[in-house]
Amino acid sequence: MVSTVTISEEVRRKIKRLAALLDTSQSKIVEMAIDFYESEVLRKIESKKTNIKVKKLLEEAERMVSEGDPDWARISEKIKSSVVGIEYYMSYRWAEEL
């Protein structure tokens, strides 16, 4: 089934140039671009969605641990609110207990 799509003159020229450069049809260039978008861009978006789920699970686990261990919660909050990140602090105190 053939269909038409309205695109800007600049995009049309890019598609035409790529088709000539790769010795293929303009529709193949559009198909390749869509395939690339789906494989690269959408994959990254999907992985971020997973990260959001993981983040929620970790936050829930942290809440549960904080409720069960007030000392851990206090130390955790100190680390989170410090001006200097834990990585910076640990680099100077390597192998020493916090």
PDB file of N, CA and C in Angstrom:
ATOM      1  N   MET A   1       0.840  -1.179   0.000  1.00  0.00           N
ATOM      2  CA  MET A   1       0.000   0.000   0.000  1.00  0.00           C
ATOM      3  C   MET A   1       0.886   1.243   0.000  1.00  0.00           C
ATOM      4  N   VAL A   2       0.647   2.113  -0.898  1.00  0.00           N
ATOM      5  CA  VAL A   2       1.421   3.340  -1.029  1.00  0.00           C
ATOM      6  C   VAL A   2       0.648   4.474  -0.379  1.00  0.00           C
ATOM      7  N   SER A   3       1.392   5.348   0.305  1.00  0.00           N
ATOM      8  CA  SER A   3       0.774   6.488   0.966  1.00  0.00           C
ATOM      9  C   SER A   3       1.696   7.692   0.815  1.00  0.00           C
ATOM     10  N   THR A   4       1.169   8.866   1.048  1.00  0.00           N
ATOM     11  CA  THR A   4       1.992  10.072   0.985  1.00  0.00           C
ATOM     12  C   THR A   4       2.090  10.688   2.372  1.00  0.00           C
ATOM     13  N   VAL A   5       3.199  11.360   2.589  1.00  0.00           N
ATOM     14  CA  VAL A   5       3.452  12.038   3.858  1.00  0.00           C
ATOM     15  C   VAL A   5       3.976  13.430   3.529  1.00  0.00           C
ATOM     16  N   THR A   6       3.529  14.417   4.252  1.00  0.00           N
ATOM     17  CA  THR A   6       4.004  15.778   4.033  1.00  0.00           C
ATOM     18  C   THR A   6       5.242  16.014   4.903  1.00  0.00           C
ATOM     19  N   ILE A   7       6.333  16.411   4.257  1.00  0.00           N
ATOM     20  CA  ILE A   7       7.576  16.712   4.965  1.00  0.00           C
ATOM     21  C   ILE A   7       8.117  18.032   4.437  1.00  0.00           C
ATOM     22  N   SER A   8       9.003  18.616   5.201  1.00  0.00           N
ATOM     23  CA  SER A   8       9.584  19.892   4.777  1.00  0.00           C
ATOM     24  C   SER A   8      10.544  19.668   3.615  1.00  0.00           C
ATOM     25  N   GLU A   9      10.819  20.725   2.906  1.00  0.00           N
ATOM     26  CA  GLU A   9      11.729  20.662   1.760  1.00  0.00           C
ATOM     27  C   GLU A   9      13.130  20.235   2.204  1.00  0.00           C
ATOM     28  N   GLU A  10      13.557  20.707   3.347  1.00  0.00           N
ATOM     29  CA  GLU A  10      14.883  20.367   3.865  1.00  0.00           C
ATOM     30  C   GLU A  10      14.996  18.860   4.142  1.00  0.00           C
ATOM     31  N   VAL A  11      13.972  18.292   4.773  1.00  0.00           N
ATOM     32  CA  VAL A  11      13.979  16.855   5.062  1.00  0.00           C
ATOM     33  C   VAL A  11      13.927  16.060   3.760  1.00  0.00           C
ATOM     34  N   ARG A  12      13.140  16.505   2.798  1.00  0.00           N
ATOM     35  CA  ARG A  12      13.052  15.827   1.512  1.00  0.00           C
ATOM     36  C   ARG A  12      14.417  15.774   0.833  1.00  0.00           C
ATOM     37  N   ARG A  13      15.148  16.902   0.894  1.00  0.00           N
ATOM     38  CA  ARG A  13      16.476  16.945   0.288  1.00  0.00           C
ATOM     39  C   ARG A  13      17.435  15.985   0.996  1.00  0.00           C
ATOM     40  N   LYS A  14      17.337  15.908   2.330  1.00  0.00           N
ATOM     41  CA  LYS A  14      18.205  14.989   3.079  1.00  0.00           C
ATOM     42  C   LYS A  14      17.917  13.540   2.701  1.00  0.00           C
ATOM     43  N   ILE A  15      16.646  13.203   2.602  1.00  0.00           N
ATOM     44  CA  ILE A  15      16.269  11.838   2.224  1.00  0.00           C
ATOM     45  C   ILE A  15      16.755  11.529   0.812  1.00  0.00           C
ATOM     46  N   LYS A  16      16.566  12.465  -0.084  1.00  0.00           N
ATOM     47  CA  LYS A  16      16.988  12.276  -1.477  1.00  0.00           C
ATOM     48  C   LYS A  16      18.503  12.108  -1.572  1.00  0.00           C
ATOM     49  N   ARG A  17      19.247  12.936  -0.831  1.00  0.00           N
ATOM     50  CA  ARG A  17      20.708  12.860  -0.835  1.00  0.00           C
ATOM     51  C   ARG A  17      21.190  11.528  -0.275  1.00  0.00           C
ATOM     52  N   LEU A  18      20.600  11.093   0.849  1.00  0.00           N
ATOM     53  CA  LEU A  18      20.986   9.808   1.430  1.00  0.00           C
ATOM     54  C   LEU A  18      20.651   8.642   0.498  1.00  0.00           C
ATOM     55  N   ALA A  19      19.503   8.712  -0.151  1.00  0.00           N
ATOM     56  CA  ALA A  19      19.113   7.652  -1.083  1.00  0.00           C
ATOM     57  C   ALA A  19      20.110   7.559  -2.236  1.00  0.00           C
ATOM     58  N   ALA A  20      20.529   8.698  -2.752  1.00  0.00           N
ATOM     59  CA  ALA A  20      21.504   8.699  -3.847  1.00  0.00           C
ATOM     60  C   ALA A  20      22.854   8.191  -3.355  1.00  0.00           C
ATOM     61  N   LEU A  21      23.253   8.616  -2.180  1.00  0.00           N
ATOM     62  CA  LEU A  21      24.535   8.214  -1.613  1.00  0.00           C
ATOM     63  C   LEU A  21      24.579   6.706  -1.361  1.00  0.00           C
ATOM     64  N   LEU A  22      23.483   6.155  -0.866  1.00  0.00           N
ATOM     65  CA  LEU A  22      23.427   4.728  -0.547  1.00  0.00           C
ATOM     66  C   LEU A  22      22.869   3.879  -1.688  1.00  0.00           C
ATOM     67  N   ASP A  23      22.538   4.528  -2.786  1.00  0.00           N
ATOM     68  CA  ASP A  23      22.001   3.849  -3.969  1.00  0.00           C
ATOM     69  C   ASP A  23      20.797   2.968  -3.605  1.00  0.00           C
ATOM     70  N   THR A  24      19.830   3.603  -2.984  1.00  0.00           N
ATOM     71  CA  THR A  24      18.602   2.908  -2.587  1.00  0.00           C
ATOM     72  C   THR A  24      17.425   3.860  -2.759  1.00  0.00           C
ATOM     73  N   SER A  25      16.233   3.377  -2.496  1.00  0.00           N
ATOM     74  CA  SER A  25      15.047   4.223  -2.666  1.00  0.00           C
ATOM     75  C   SER A  25      14.859   5.138  -1.466  1.00  0.00           C
ATOM     76  N   GLN A  26      14.124   6.209  -1.695  1.00  0.00           N
ATOM     77  CA  GLN A  26      13.832   7.149  -0.611  1.00  0.00           C
ATOM     78  C   GLN A  26      12.967   6.470   0.468  1.00  0.00           C
ATOM     79  N   SER A  27      12.071   5.594   0.046  1.00  0.00           N
ATOM     80  CA  SER A  27      11.239   4.902   1.042  1.00  0.00           C
ATOM     81  C   SER A  27      12.095   3.990   1.918  1.00  0.00           C
ATOM     82  N   LYS A  28      13.157   3.400   1.334  1.00  0.00           N
ATOM     83  CA  LYS A  28      14.068   2.557   2.121  1.00  0.00           C
ATOM     84  C   LYS A  28      14.813   3.403   3.153  1.00  0.00           C
ATOM     85  N   ILE A  29      15.181   4.624   2.797  1.00  0.00           N
ATOM     86  CA  ILE A  29      15.849   5.530   3.741  1.00  0.00           C
ATOM     87  C   ILE A  29      14.917   5.835   4.911  1.00  0.00           C
ATOM     88  N   VAL A  30      13.664   6.120   4.621  1.00  0.00           N
ATOM     89  CA  VAL A  30      12.689   6.402   5.684  1.00  0.00           C
ATOM     90  C   VAL A  30      12.509   5.164   6.556  1.00  0.00           C
ATOM     91  N   GLU A  31      12.411   3.997   5.930  1.00  0.00           N
ATOM     92  CA  GLU A  31      12.260   2.748   6.674  1.00  0.00           C
ATOM     93  C   GLU A  31      13.469   2.504   7.585  1.00  0.00           C
ATOM     94  N   MET A  32      14.667   2.743   7.052  1.00  0.00           N
ATOM     95  CA  MET A  32      15.887   2.564   7.843  1.00  0.00           C
ATOM     96  C   MET A  32      15.922   3.538   9.020  1.00  0.00           C
ATOM     97  N   ALA A  33      15.482   4.766   8.795  1.00  0.00           N
ATOM     98  CA  ALA A  33      15.463   5.768   9.868  1.00  0.00           C
ATOM     99  C   ALA A  33      14.480   5.362  10.972  1.00  0.00           C
ATOM    100  N   ILE A  34      13.326   4.858  10.574  1.00  0.00           N
ATOM    101  CA  ILE A  34      12.340   4.416  11.564  1.00  0.00           C
ATOM    102  C   ILE A  34      12.867   3.211  12.333  1.00  0.00           C
ATOM    103  N   ASP A  35      13.478   2.268  11.642  1.00  0.00           N
ATOM    104  CA  ASP A  35      14.066   1.098  12.307  1.00  0.00           C
ATOM    105  C   ASP A  35      15.126   1.521  13.311  1.00  0.00           C
ATOM    106  N   PHE A  36      15.980   2.469  12.893  1.00  0.00           N
ATOM    107  CA  PHE A  36      17.014   2.969  13.801  1.00  0.00           C
ATOM    108  C   PHE A  36      16.385   3.624  15.019  1.00  0.00           C
ATOM    109  N   TYR A  37      15.394   4.447  14.801  1.00  0.00           N
ATOM    110  CA  TYR A  37      14.715   5.132  15.902  1.00  0.00           C
ATOM    111  C   TYR A  37      14.129   4.115  16.881  1.00  0.00           C
ATOM    112  N   GLU A  38      13.463   3.113  16.348  1.00  0.00           N
ATOM    113  CA  GLU A  38      12.852   2.102  17.207  1.00  0.00           C
ATOM    114  C   GLU A  38      13.901   1.313  17.985  1.00  0.00           C
ATOM    115  N   SER A  39      14.996   0.974  17.339  1.00  0.00           N
ATOM    116  CA  SER A  39      15.999   0.147  18.009  1.00  0.00           C
ATOM    117  C   SER A  39      16.847   0.935  19.004  1.00  0.00           C
ATOM    118  N   GLU A  40      17.141   2.178  18.716  1.00  0.00           N
ATOM    119  CA  GLU A  40      18.028   2.957  19.581  1.00  0.00           C
ATOM    120  C   GLU A  40      17.273   3.843  20.572  1.00  0.00           C
ATOM    121  N   VAL A  41      16.437   4.699  20.074  1.00  0.00           N
ATOM    122  CA  VAL A  41      15.779   5.698  20.917  1.00  0.00           C
ATOM    123  C   VAL A  41      14.724   5.064  21.809  1.00  0.00           C
ATOM    124  N   LEU A  42      13.857   4.259  21.234  1.00  0.00           N
ATOM    125  CA  LEU A  42      12.803   3.648  22.038  1.00  0.00           C
ATOM    126  C   LEU A  42      13.366   2.680  23.069  1.00  0.00           C
ATOM    127  N   ARG A  43      14.460   2.014  22.739  1.00  0.00           N
ATOM    128  CA  ARG A  43      15.106   1.109  23.703  1.00  0.00           C
ATOM    129  C   ARG A  43      15.586   1.890  24.920  1.00  0.00           C
ATOM    130  N   LYS A  44      16.138   3.069  24.688  1.00  0.00           N
ATOM    131  CA  LYS A  44      16.602   3.894  25.803  1.00  0.00           C
ATOM    132  C   LYS A  44      15.433   4.363  26.655  1.00  0.00           C
ATOM    133  N   ILE A  45      14.344   4.714  26.009  1.00  0.00           N
ATOM    134  CA  ILE A  45      13.152   5.141  26.754  1.00  0.00           C
ATOM    135  C   ILE A  45      12.624   3.985  27.596  1.00  0.00           C
ATOM    136  N   GLU A  46      12.571   2.797  27.031  1.00  0.00           N
ATOM    137  CA  GLU A  46      12.099   1.621  27.763  1.00  0.00           C
ATOM    138  C   GLU A  46      13.001   1.326  28.947  1.00  0.00           C
ATOM    139  N   SER A  47      14.320   1.481  28.779  1.00  0.00           N
ATOM    140  CA  SER A  47      15.226   1.208  29.897  1.00  0.00           C
ATOM    141  C   SER A  47      15.039   2.231  31.006  1.00  0.00           C
ATOM    142  N   LYS A  48      14.682   3.468  30.664  1.00  0.00           N
ATOM    143  CA  LYS A  48      14.410   4.466  31.696  1.00  0.00           C
ATOM    144  C   LYS A  48      13.155   4.109  32.472  1.00  0.00           C
ATOM    145  N   LYS A  49      12.158   3.557  31.798  1.00  0.00           N
ATOM    146  CA  LYS A  49      10.949   3.132  32.487  1.00  0.00           C
ATOM    147  C   LYS A  49      11.286   2.061  33.513  1.00  0.00           C
ATOM    148  N   THR A  50      12.150   1.140  33.140  1.00  0.00           N
ATOM    149  CA  THR A  50      12.582   0.104  34.066  1.00  0.00           C
ATOM    150  C   THR A  50      13.300   0.733  35.244  1.00  0.00           C
ATOM    151  N   ASN A  51      14.136   1.728  34.970  1.00  0.00           N
ATOM    152  CA  ASN A  51      14.859   2.397  36.045  1.00  0.00           C
ATOM    153  C   ASN A  51      13.894   3.073  37.015  1.00  0.00           C
ATOM    154  N   ILE A  52      12.797   3.596  36.519  1.00  0.00           N
ATOM    155  CA  ILE A  52      11.805   4.223  37.381  1.00  0.00           C
ATOM    156  C   ILE A  52      11.189   3.179  38.305  1.00  0.00           C
ATOM    157  N   LYS A  53      10.886   1.998  37.756  1.00  0.00           N
ATOM    158  CA  LYS A  53      10.336   0.918  38.571  1.00  0.00           C
ATOM    159  C   LYS A  53      11.332   0.486  39.642  1.00  0.00           C
ATOM    160  N   VAL A  54      12.587   0.343  39.250  1.00  0.00           N
ATOM    161  CA  VAL A  54      13.631  -0.045  40.192  1.00  0.00           C
ATOM    162  C   VAL A  54      13.779   1.015  41.269  1.00  0.00           C
ATOM    163  N   LYS A  55      13.750   2.283  40.867  1.00  0.00           N
ATOM    164  CA  LYS A  55      13.884   3.373  41.827  1.00  0.00           C
ATOM    165  C   LYS A  55      12.763   3.337  42.860  1.00  0.00           C
ATOM    166  N   LYS A  56      11.531   3.089  42.405  1.00  0.00           N
ATOM    167  CA  LYS A  56      10.411   3.008  43.331  1.00  0.00           C
ATOM    168  C   LYS A  56      10.576   1.854  44.308  1.00  0.00           C
ATOM    169  N   LEU A  57      11.046   0.715  43.793  1.00  0.00           N
ATOM    170  CA  LEU A  57      11.264  -0.444  44.664  1.00  0.00           C
ATOM    171  C   LEU A  57      12.358  -0.159  45.691  1.00  0.00           C
ATOM    172  N   LEU A  58      13.429   0.497  45.251  1.00  0.00           N
ATOM    173  CA  LEU A  58      14.509   0.833  46.179  1.00  0.00           C
ATOM    174  C   LEU A  58      14.059   1.836  47.230  1.00  0.00           C
ATOM    175  N   GLU A  59      13.253   2.812  46.826  1.00  0.00           N
ATOM    176  CA  GLU A  59      12.737   3.790  47.789  1.00  0.00           C
ATOM    177  C   GLU A  59      11.848   3.114  48.829  1.00  0.00           C
ATOM    178  N   GLU A  60      11.037   2.168  48.384  1.00  0.00           N
ATOM    179  CA  GLU A  60      10.173   1.432  49.308  1.00  0.00           C
ATOM    180  C   GLU A  60      11.014   0.587  50.263  1.00  0.00           C
ATOM    181  N   ALA A  61      12.054  -0.063  49.745  1.00  0.00           N
ATOM    182  CA  ALA A  61      12.943  -0.860  50.597  1.00  0.00           C
ATOM    183  C   ALA A  61      13.655   0.031  51.601  1.00  0.00           C
ATOM    184  N   GLU A  62      14.086   1.208  51.160  1.00  0.00           N
ATOM    185  CA  GLU A  62      14.760   2.143  52.063  1.00  0.00           C
ATOM    186  C   GLU A  62      13.821   2.604  53.177  1.00  0.00           C
ATOM    187  N   ARG A  63      12.570   2.866  52.807  1.00  0.00           N
ATOM    188  CA  ARG A  63      11.588   3.282  53.802  1.00  0.00           C
ATOM    189  C   ARG A  63      11.386   2.181  54.853  1.00  0.00           C
ATOM    190  N   MET A  64      11.296   0.946  54.392  1.00  0.00           N
ATOM    191  CA  MET A  64      11.096  -0.172  55.315  1.00  0.00           C
ATOM    192  C   MET A  64      12.289  -0.354  56.247  1.00  0.00           C
ATOM    193  N   VAL A  65      13.503  -0.243  55.702  1.00  0.00           N
ATOM    194  CA  VAL A  65      14.711  -0.388  56.521  1.00  0.00           C
ATOM    195  C   VAL A  65      14.808   0.773  57.506  1.00  0.00           C
ATOM    196  N   SER A  66      14.484   1.983  57.048  1.00  0.00           N
ATOM    197  CA  SER A  66      14.544   3.156  57.932  1.00  0.00           C
ATOM    198  C   SER A  66      13.590   3.012  59.108  1.00  0.00           C
ATOM    199  N   GLU A  67      12.409   2.475  58.853  1.00  0.00           N
ATOM    200  CA  GLU A  67      11.452   2.276  59.935  1.00  0.00           C
ATOM    201  C   GLU A  67      11.947   1.224  60.924  1.00  0.00           C
ATOM    202  N   GLY A  68      12.649   0.207  60.432  1.00  0.00           N
ATOM    203  CA  GLY A  68      13.119  -0.874  61.289  1.00  0.00           C
ATOM    204  C   GLY A  68      14.421  -0.578  62.000  1.00  0.00           C
ATOM    205  N   ASP A  69      15.232   0.350  61.457  1.00  0.00           N
ATOM    206  CA  ASP A  69      16.542   0.637  62.037  1.00  0.00           C
ATOM    207  C   ASP A  69      16.780   2.151  62.054  1.00  0.00           C
ATOM    208  N   PRO A  70      16.383   2.813  63.157  1.00  0.00           N
ATOM    209  CA  PRO A  70      16.515   4.275  63.237  1.00  0.00           C
ATOM    210  C   PRO A  70      17.958   4.777  63.099  1.00  0.00           C
ATOM    211  N   ASP A  71      18.927   3.996  63.596  1.00  0.00           N
ATOM    212  CA  ASP A  71      20.327   4.417  63.467  1.00  0.00           C
ATOM    213  C   ASP A  71      20.751   4.452  62.003  1.00  0.00           C
ATOM    214  N   TRP A  72      20.362   3.430  61.258  1.00  0.00           N
ATOM    215  CA  TRP A  72      20.672   3.399  59.841  1.00  0.00           C
ATOM    216  C   TRP A  72      20.023   4.585  59.139  1.00  0.00           C
ATOM    217  N   ALA A  73      18.787   4.895  59.502  1.00  0.00           N
ATOM    218  CA  ALA A  73      18.061   6.009  58.891  1.00  0.00           C
ATOM    219  C   ALA A  73      18.773   7.333  59.166  1.00  0.00           C
ATOM    220  N   ARG A  74      19.255   7.506  60.390  1.00  0.00           N
ATOM    221  CA  ARG A  74      19.952   8.745  60.770  1.00  0.00           C
ATOM    222  C   ARG A  74      21.241   8.904  59.966  1.00  0.00           C
ATOM    223  N   ILE A  75      22.025   7.855  59.873  1.00  0.00           N
ATOM    224  CA  ILE A  75      23.285   7.903  59.130  1.00  0.00           C
ATOM    225  C   ILE A  75      23.008   8.122  57.640  1.00  0.00           C
ATOM    226  N   SER A  76      22.015   7.443  57.126  1.00  0.00           N
ATOM    227  CA  SER A  76      21.652   7.588  55.720  1.00  0.00           C
ATOM    228  C   SER A  76      21.267   9.027  55.397  1.00  0.00           C
ATOM    229  N   GLU A  77      20.481   9.638  56.251  1.00  0.00           N
ATOM    230  CA  GLU A  77      20.080  11.033  56.030  1.00  0.00           C
ATOM    231  C   GLU A  77      21.273  11.977  56.098  1.00  0.00           C
ATOM    232  N   LYS A  78      22.219  11.723  57.002  1.00  0.00           N
ATOM    233  CA  LYS A  78      23.428  12.544  57.082  1.00  0.00           C
ATOM    234  C   LYS A  78      24.203  12.476  55.771  1.00  0.00           C
ATOM    235  N   ILE A  79      24.335  11.273  55.241  1.00  0.00           N
ATOM    236  CA  ILE A  79      25.079  11.095  53.998  1.00  0.00           C
ATOM    237  C   ILE A  79      24.373  11.807  52.849  1.00  0.00           C
ATOM    238  N   LYS A  80      23.054  11.663  52.769  1.00  0.00           N
ATOM    239  CA  LYS A  80      22.296  12.292  51.686  1.00  0.00           C
ATOM    240  C   LYS A  80      22.359  13.813  51.743  1.00  0.00           C
ATOM    241  N   SER A  81      22.346  14.358  52.941  1.00  0.00           N
ATOM    242  CA  SER A  81      22.287  15.811  53.078  1.00  0.00           C
ATOM    243  C   SER A  81      23.660  16.473  53.135  1.00  0.00           C
ATOM    244  N   SER A  82      24.725  15.689  53.082  1.00  0.00           N
ATOM    245  CA  SER A  82      26.052  16.291  53.182  1.00  0.00           C
ATOM    246  C   SER A  82      26.363  17.097  51.934  1.00  0.00           C
ATOM    247  N   VAL A  83      27.168  18.108  52.108  1.00  0.00           N
ATOM    248  CA  VAL A  83      27.568  18.953  50.986  1.00  0.00           C
ATOM    249  C   VAL A  83      28.505  18.174  50.065  1.00  0.00           C
ATOM    250  N   VAL A  84      29.368  17.393  50.646  1.00  0.00           N
ATOM    251  CA  VAL A  84      30.321  16.583  49.901  1.00  0.00           C
ATOM    252  C   VAL A  84      29.740  15.180  49.756  1.00  0.00           C
ATOM    253  N   GLY A  85      29.789  14.656  48.549  1.00  0.00           N
ATOM    254  CA  GLY A  85      29.253  13.321  48.304  1.00  0.00           C
ATOM    255  C   GLY A  85      30.053  12.240  49.006  1.00  0.00           C
ATOM    256  N   ILE A  86      29.457  11.114  49.215  1.00  0.00           N
ATOM    257  CA  ILE A  86      30.106  10.003  49.907  1.00  0.00           C
ATOM    258  C   ILE A  86      31.341   9.522  49.148  1.00  0.00           C
ATOM    259  N   GLU A  87      31.325   9.584  47.822  1.00  0.00           N
ATOM    260  CA  GLU A  87      32.466   9.131  47.043  1.00  0.00           C
ATOM    261  C   GLU A  87      33.706   9.989  47.342  1.00  0.00           C
ATOM    262  N   TYR A  88      33.491  11.279  47.461  1.00  0.00           N
ATOM    263  CA  TYR A  88      34.598  12.193  47.768  1.00  0.00           C
ATOM    264  C   TYR A  88      35.151  11.904  49.150  1.00  0.00           C
ATOM    265  N   TYR A  89      34.276  11.708  50.105  1.00  0.00           N
ATOM    266  CA  TYR A  89      34.670  11.443  51.483  1.00  0.00           C
ATOM    267  C   TYR A  89      35.440  10.136  51.568  1.00  0.00           C
ATOM    268  N   MET A  90      34.949   9.122  50.908  1.00  0.00           N
ATOM    269  CA  MET A  90      35.576   7.805  50.994  1.00  0.00           C
ATOM    270  C   MET A  90      36.944   7.776  50.336  1.00  0.00           C
ATOM    271  N   SER A  91      37.173   8.608  49.346  1.00  0.00           N
ATOM    272  CA  SER A  91      38.472   8.583  48.673  1.00  0.00           C
ATOM    273  C   SER A  91      39.594   8.997  49.618  1.00  0.00           C
ATOM    274  N   TYR A  92      39.290   9.812  50.620  1.00  0.00           N
ATOM    275  CA  TYR A  92      40.299  10.229  51.590  1.00  0.00           C
ATOM    276  C   TYR A  92      40.381   9.290  52.786  1.00  0.00           C
ATOM    277  N   ARG A  93      39.369   8.503  53.008  1.00  0.00           N
ATOM    278  CA  ARG A  93      39.322   7.624  54.164  1.00  0.00           C
ATOM    279  C   ARG A  93      39.265   6.173  53.734  1.00  0.00           C
ATOM    280  N   TRP A  94      39.874   5.863  52.634  1.00  0.00           N
ATOM    281  CA  TRP A  94      39.799   4.520  52.082  1.00  0.00           C
ATOM    282  C   TRP A  94      40.220   3.482  53.122  1.00  0.00           C
ATOM    283  N   ALA A  95      39.417   2.469  53.278  1.00  0.00           N
ATOM    284  CA  ALA A  95      39.657   1.340  54.187  1.00  0.00           C
ATOM    285  C   ALA A  95      39.494   1.716  55.655  1.00  0.00           C
ATOM    286  N   GLU A  96      39.030   2.900  55.948  1.00  0.00           N
ATOM    287  CA  GLU A  96      38.718   3.263  57.328  1.00  0.00           C
ATOM    288  C   GLU A  96      37.220   3.158  57.532  1.00  0.00           C
ATOM    289  N   GLU A  97      36.826   2.900  58.745  1.00  0.00           N
ATOM    290  CA  GLU A  97      35.410   2.774  59.049  1.00  0.00           C
ATOM    291  C   GLU A  97      34.781   4.155  59.103  1.00  0.00           C
ATOM    292  N   LEU A  98      33.540   4.281  58.624  1.00  0.00           N
ATOM    293  CA  LEU A  98      32.861   5.581  58.645  1.00  0.00           C
ATOM    294  C   LEU A  98      32.544   6.014  60.039  1.00  0.00           C
TER     295      LEU A  98
END
